[in-house]
């Protein structure tokens, strides 16, 4: 088993255990959800960039087209979710449940586009397959976990949902990674050496940062 695949499995397993405490309709939930969506949008775009760089090597034109379509659709859903979060902040109490339903629909759409992607791919190179599987898996897990929080925000605390779509034992949804933890996990998969020089070269520089380059430089690398 190559290193990329091992890292991907570790990260995906970690997604089941790490959680963010987000309750009620507090500003903490809104702020964190906004940061998560801001991190996931470029993460989905970078998946498309990675695969495009590998076309003709380990990725066929057919697979590229499928990933571009799924990535674009998921990105559009995440952009919509981000705008809806802003609308939620401005909505009155009577309108907020309707906005939350729209957020849930956008997340479900993004999840559907990503979930249908992996079974349809025909990538023969094991390292490339493992890398793409790990990246898509992180995106799916975070989308599913974030979607599971919406019923909690609406007050439906009896919903039993886990990141893998199975019922949890606590009676409450499994919560998503914080934006910072999502970025850390995503970047670990992108940076992991796979043994495939072309793949590693294409993945280099496709990490996601929560802060601009100037801020990261000024902090001596402390900011991500």
Protein backbone atom coordinates (compact mmCIF):
# COMPACT_ATOMS: atom_id res chain seq x y z
CA UNK A 1 0.00 0.00 0.00
CA UNK A 2 1.56 3.33 -1.06
CA UNK A 3 1.93 6.30 1.22
CA UNK A 4 -0.78 8.38 -0.47
CA UNK A 5 -3.32 5.63 0.06
CA UNK A 6 -2.26 5.15 3.71
CA UNK A 7 -2.53 8.89 4.39
CA UNK A 8 -5.92 9.01 2.72
CA UNK A 9 -7.23 6.17 4.84
CA UNK A 10 -5.89 7.73 8.04
CA UNK A 11 -7.45 11.08 7.20
CA UNK A 12 -10.81 9.56 6.32
CA UNK A 13 -10.79 7.56 9.55
CA UNK A 14 -9.93 10.71 11.46
CA UNK A 15 -12.93 12.47 9.97
CA UNK A 16 -15.16 10.11 11.91
CA UNK A 17 -13.65 11.06 15.25
CA UNK A 18 -12.86 14.77 15.03
CA UNK A 19 -15.76 17.16 15.64
CA UNK A 20 -16.57 20.82 15.96
CA UNK A 21 -18.91 21.97 18.72
CA UNK A 22 -21.56 23.94 16.89
CA UNK A 23 -24.97 24.21 18.58
CA UNK A 24 -28.16 26.16 18.06
CA UNK A 25 -28.34 29.12 15.69
CA UNK A 26 -25.41 30.94 17.29
CA UNK A 27 -23.01 33.19 15.43
CA UNK A 28 -20.34 30.55 16.07
CA UNK A 29 -22.17 28.10 13.80
CA UNK A 30 -22.65 30.71 11.08
CA UNK A 31 -19.03 31.90 11.20
CA UNK A 32 -17.59 28.39 11.13
CA UNK A 33 -19.90 27.19 8.35
CA UNK A 34 -18.88 30.22 6.32
CA UNK A 35 -15.19 29.41 6.81
CA UNK A 36 -15.74 25.75 5.93
CA UNK A 37 -17.50 26.64 2.69
CA UNK A 38 -14.76 29.14 1.85
CA UNK A 39 -12.16 26.36 2.22
CA UNK A 40 -14.15 23.71 0.34
CA UNK A 41 -14.76 25.81 -2.78
CA UNK A 42 -11.06 26.03 -3.79
CA UNK A 43 -10.55 22.43 -2.62
CA UNK A 44 -13.12 21.23 -5.16
CA UNK A 45 -11.58 23.44 -7.85
CA UNK A 46 -8.10 22.07 -7.11
CA UNK A 47 -9.35 18.53 -7.65
CA UNK A 48 -10.31 19.50 -11.20
CA UNK A 49 -6.95 21.24 -11.70
CA UNK A 50 -5.08 18.16 -10.49
CA UNK A 51 -6.91 15.80 -12.84
CA UNK A 52 -6.60 18.18 -15.81
CA UNK A 53 -2.82 18.17 -15.37
CA UNK A 54 -2.81 14.37 -15.58
CA UNK A 55 -4.90 14.01 -18.74
CA UNK A 56 -3.13 11.79 -21.24
CA UNK A 57 -0.91 10.33 -18.54
CA UNK A 58 -2.96 8.48 -15.94
CA UNK A 59 -6.32 10.13 -16.55
CA UNK A 60 -8.39 9.66 -19.71
CA UNK A 61 -10.32 12.42 -21.44
CA UNK A 62 -13.56 10.69 -20.40
CA UNK A 63 -12.60 10.65 -16.72
CA UNK A 64 -11.44 14.25 -16.93
CA UNK A 65 -14.82 15.31 -18.34
CA UNK A 66 -16.66 13.51 -15.53
CA UNK A 67 -14.49 15.07 -12.82
CA UNK A 68 -14.78 18.51 -14.38
CA UNK A 69 -18.55 18.21 -14.45
CA UNK A 70 -18.85 16.87 -10.89
CA UNK A 71 -16.32 19.37 -9.54
CA UNK A 72 -18.01 22.30 -11.25
CA UNK A 73 -21.44 21.26 -10.03
CA UNK A 74 -20.20 20.71 -6.47
CA UNK A 75 -18.39 24.06 -6.57
CA UNK A 76 -21.55 25.82 -7.70
CA UNK A 77 -23.52 24.16 -4.89
CA UNK A 78 -20.91 25.26 -2.34
CA UNK A 79 -20.95 28.81 -3.71
CA UNK A 80 -24.73 28.78 -3.35
CA UNK A 81 -24.43 27.48 0.20
CA UNK A 82 -22.03 30.29 1.06
CA UNK A 83 -24.43 32.92 -0.26
CA UNK A 84 -27.30 31.28 1.63
CA UNK A 85 -25.30 31.41 4.86
CA UNK A 86 -24.97 35.16 4.33
CA UNK A 87 -28.73 35.33 3.70
CA UNK A 88 -29.37 33.33 6.88
CA UNK A 89 -27.48 35.91 8.91
CA UNK A 90 -29.71 38.70 7.60
CA UNK A 91 -33.00 36.77 7.72
CA UNK A 92 -35.50 37.22 10.52
CA UNK A 93 -36.43 34.31 12.78
CA UNK A 94 -39.45 33.38 10.68
CA UNK A 95 -37.43 33.15 7.46
CA UNK A 96 -34.37 31.35 8.85
CA UNK A 97 -35.85 27.80 8.72
CA UNK A 98 -36.56 28.22 5.00
CA UNK A 99 -32.99 29.38 4.36
CA UNK A 100 -31.66 26.38 6.31
CA UNK A 101 -33.73 24.09 4.07
CA UNK A 102 -32.11 25.70 1.03
CA UNK A 103 -28.66 25.20 2.58
CA UNK A 104 -29.52 21.54 3.17
CA UNK A 105 -30.62 21.15 -0.46
CA UNK A 106 -27.37 22.71 -1.74
CA UNK A 107 -25.32 20.37 0.44
CA UNK A 108 -27.31 17.34 -0.67
CA UNK A 109 -26.75 18.31 -4.29
CA UNK A 110 -22.99 18.70 -3.75
CA UNK A 111 -22.87 15.35 -1.98
CA UNK A 112 -24.75 13.63 -4.80
CA UNK A 113 -22.40 14.99 -7.45
CA UNK A 114 -19.32 13.88 -5.53
CA UNK A 115 -20.67 10.47 -4.51
CA UNK A 116 -21.52 9.54 -8.08
CA UNK A 117 -18.02 10.36 -9.26
CA UNK A 118 -15.77 7.63 -7.89
CA UNK A 119 -17.75 4.58 -9.11
CA UNK A 120 -17.76 6.03 -12.65
CA UNK A 121 -13.99 6.55 -12.95
CA UNK A 122 -11.71 4.12 -14.80
CA UNK A 123 -8.27 5.22 -13.61
CA UNK A 124 -5.82 2.34 -13.91
CA UNK A 125 -2.83 3.94 -12.15
CA UNK A 126 -3.12 2.91 -8.49
CA UNK A 127 -1.39 6.02 -7.11
CA UNK A 128 -3.63 8.40 -9.06
CA UNK A 129 -6.73 6.45 -8.12
CA UNK A 130 -5.76 6.52 -4.42
CA UNK A 131 -5.04 10.26 -4.48
CA UNK A 132 -8.31 11.18 -6.17
CA UNK A 133 -10.26 8.78 -3.95
CA UNK A 134 -8.76 10.37 -0.84
CA UNK A 135 -9.42 13.95 -1.98
CA UNK A 136 -12.99 13.21 -3.04
CA UNK A 137 -13.52 11.28 0.19
CA UNK A 138 -12.51 14.26 2.31
CA UNK A 139 -14.88 16.53 0.40
CA UNK A 140 -17.77 14.06 0.69
CA UNK A 141 -17.22 13.52 4.40
CA UNK A 142 -17.15 17.23 5.15
CA UNK A 143 -20.23 17.93 3.02
CA UNK A 144 -22.15 15.09 4.68
CA UNK A 145 -21.10 16.15 8.15
CA UNK A 146 -22.03 19.76 7.52
CA UNK A 147 -25.39 18.67 6.13
CA UNK A 148 -25.95 16.65 9.31
CA UNK A 149 -25.60 19.81 11.40
CA UNK A 150 -28.55 21.57 9.74
CA UNK A 151 -31.22 19.47 11.51
CA UNK A 152 -29.38 20.18 14.77
CA UNK A 153 -29.50 23.91 14.10
CA UNK A 154 -33.20 23.56 13.36
CA UNK A 155 -33.66 21.81 16.70
CA UNK A 156 -33.99 18.21 15.43
CA UNK A 157 -31.42 16.77 17.79
CA UNK A 158 -32.78 13.23 17.48
CA UNK A 159 -31.52 12.82 13.90
CA UNK A 160 -28.92 10.04 13.70
CA UNK A 161 -26.44 10.71 10.93
CA UNK A 162 -22.75 9.91 10.60
CA UNK A 163 -20.26 11.03 7.89
CA UNK A 164 -20.56 7.64 6.24
CA UNK A 165 -24.35 7.76 6.12
CA UNK A 166 -24.91 5.25 8.94
CA UNK A 167 -26.73 5.89 12.18
CA UNK A 168 -24.66 7.03 15.11
CA UNK A 169 -25.01 5.74 18.65
CA UNK A 170 -25.31 9.11 20.41
CA UNK A 171 -28.59 10.20 18.86
CA UNK A 172 -26.98 13.37 17.49
CA UNK A 173 -25.36 14.14 14.12
CA UNK A 174 -21.63 13.61 13.71
CA UNK A 175 -20.26 17.12 13.31
CA UNK A 176 -17.79 18.35 10.69
CA UNK A 177 -14.17 19.26 11.04
CA UNK A 178 -13.48 22.89 11.72
CA UNK A 179 -12.33 24.86 8.69
CA UNK A 180 -8.75 24.73 9.99
CA UNK A 181 -8.84 20.95 10.49
CA UNK A 182 -10.40 20.43 7.07
CA UNK A 183 -7.64 22.47 5.43
CA UNK A 184 -4.99 20.55 7.38
CA UNK A 185 -6.40 17.15 6.35
CA UNK A 186 -6.91 18.16 2.71
CA UNK A 187 -3.38 19.55 2.45
CA UNK A 188 -1.90 16.41 4.00
CA UNK A 189 -3.43 14.30 1.23
CA UNK A 190 -2.34 16.69 -1.50
CA UNK A 191 1.23 16.86 -0.18
CA UNK A 192 1.65 13.11 0.44
CA UNK A 193 4.21 11.45 -1.82
CA UNK A 194 2.60 8.78 -4.00
CA UNK A 195 5.62 7.33 -5.83
CA UNK A 196 4.23 8.72 -9.09
CA UNK A 197 6.43 11.67 -10.07
CA UNK A 198 3.89 13.19 -12.48
CA UNK A 199 1.12 12.97 -9.91
CA UNK A 200 3.25 14.47 -7.14
CA UNK A 201 4.34 17.29 -9.43
CA UNK A 202 0.75 18.05 -10.40
CA UNK A 203 -0.40 18.01 -6.75
CA UNK A 204 2.42 20.33 -5.67
CA UNK A 205 1.07 23.78 -4.95
CA UNK A 206 -2.58 22.70 -4.94
CA UNK A 207 -2.98 23.07 -1.22
CA UNK A 208 -5.71 25.26 0.28
CA UNK A 209 -4.93 28.22 2.53
CA UNK A 210 -7.30 30.05 4.84
CA UNK A 211 -5.21 33.22 4.67
CA UNK A 212 -3.55 35.16 1.88
CA UNK A 213 0.12 34.72 0.98
CA UNK A 214 1.12 38.02 2.62
CA UNK A 215 -0.52 37.04 5.91
CA UNK A 216 1.13 33.60 5.85
CA UNK A 217 4.56 35.19 5.20
CA UNK A 218 4.10 37.80 7.93
CA UNK A 219 3.17 35.08 10.44
CA UNK A 220 6.24 33.02 9.64
CA UNK A 221 4.04 30.16 8.41
CA UNK A 222 1.87 30.04 11.54
CA UNK A 223 -1.24 30.99 9.56
CA UNK A 224 -2.53 28.47 7.04
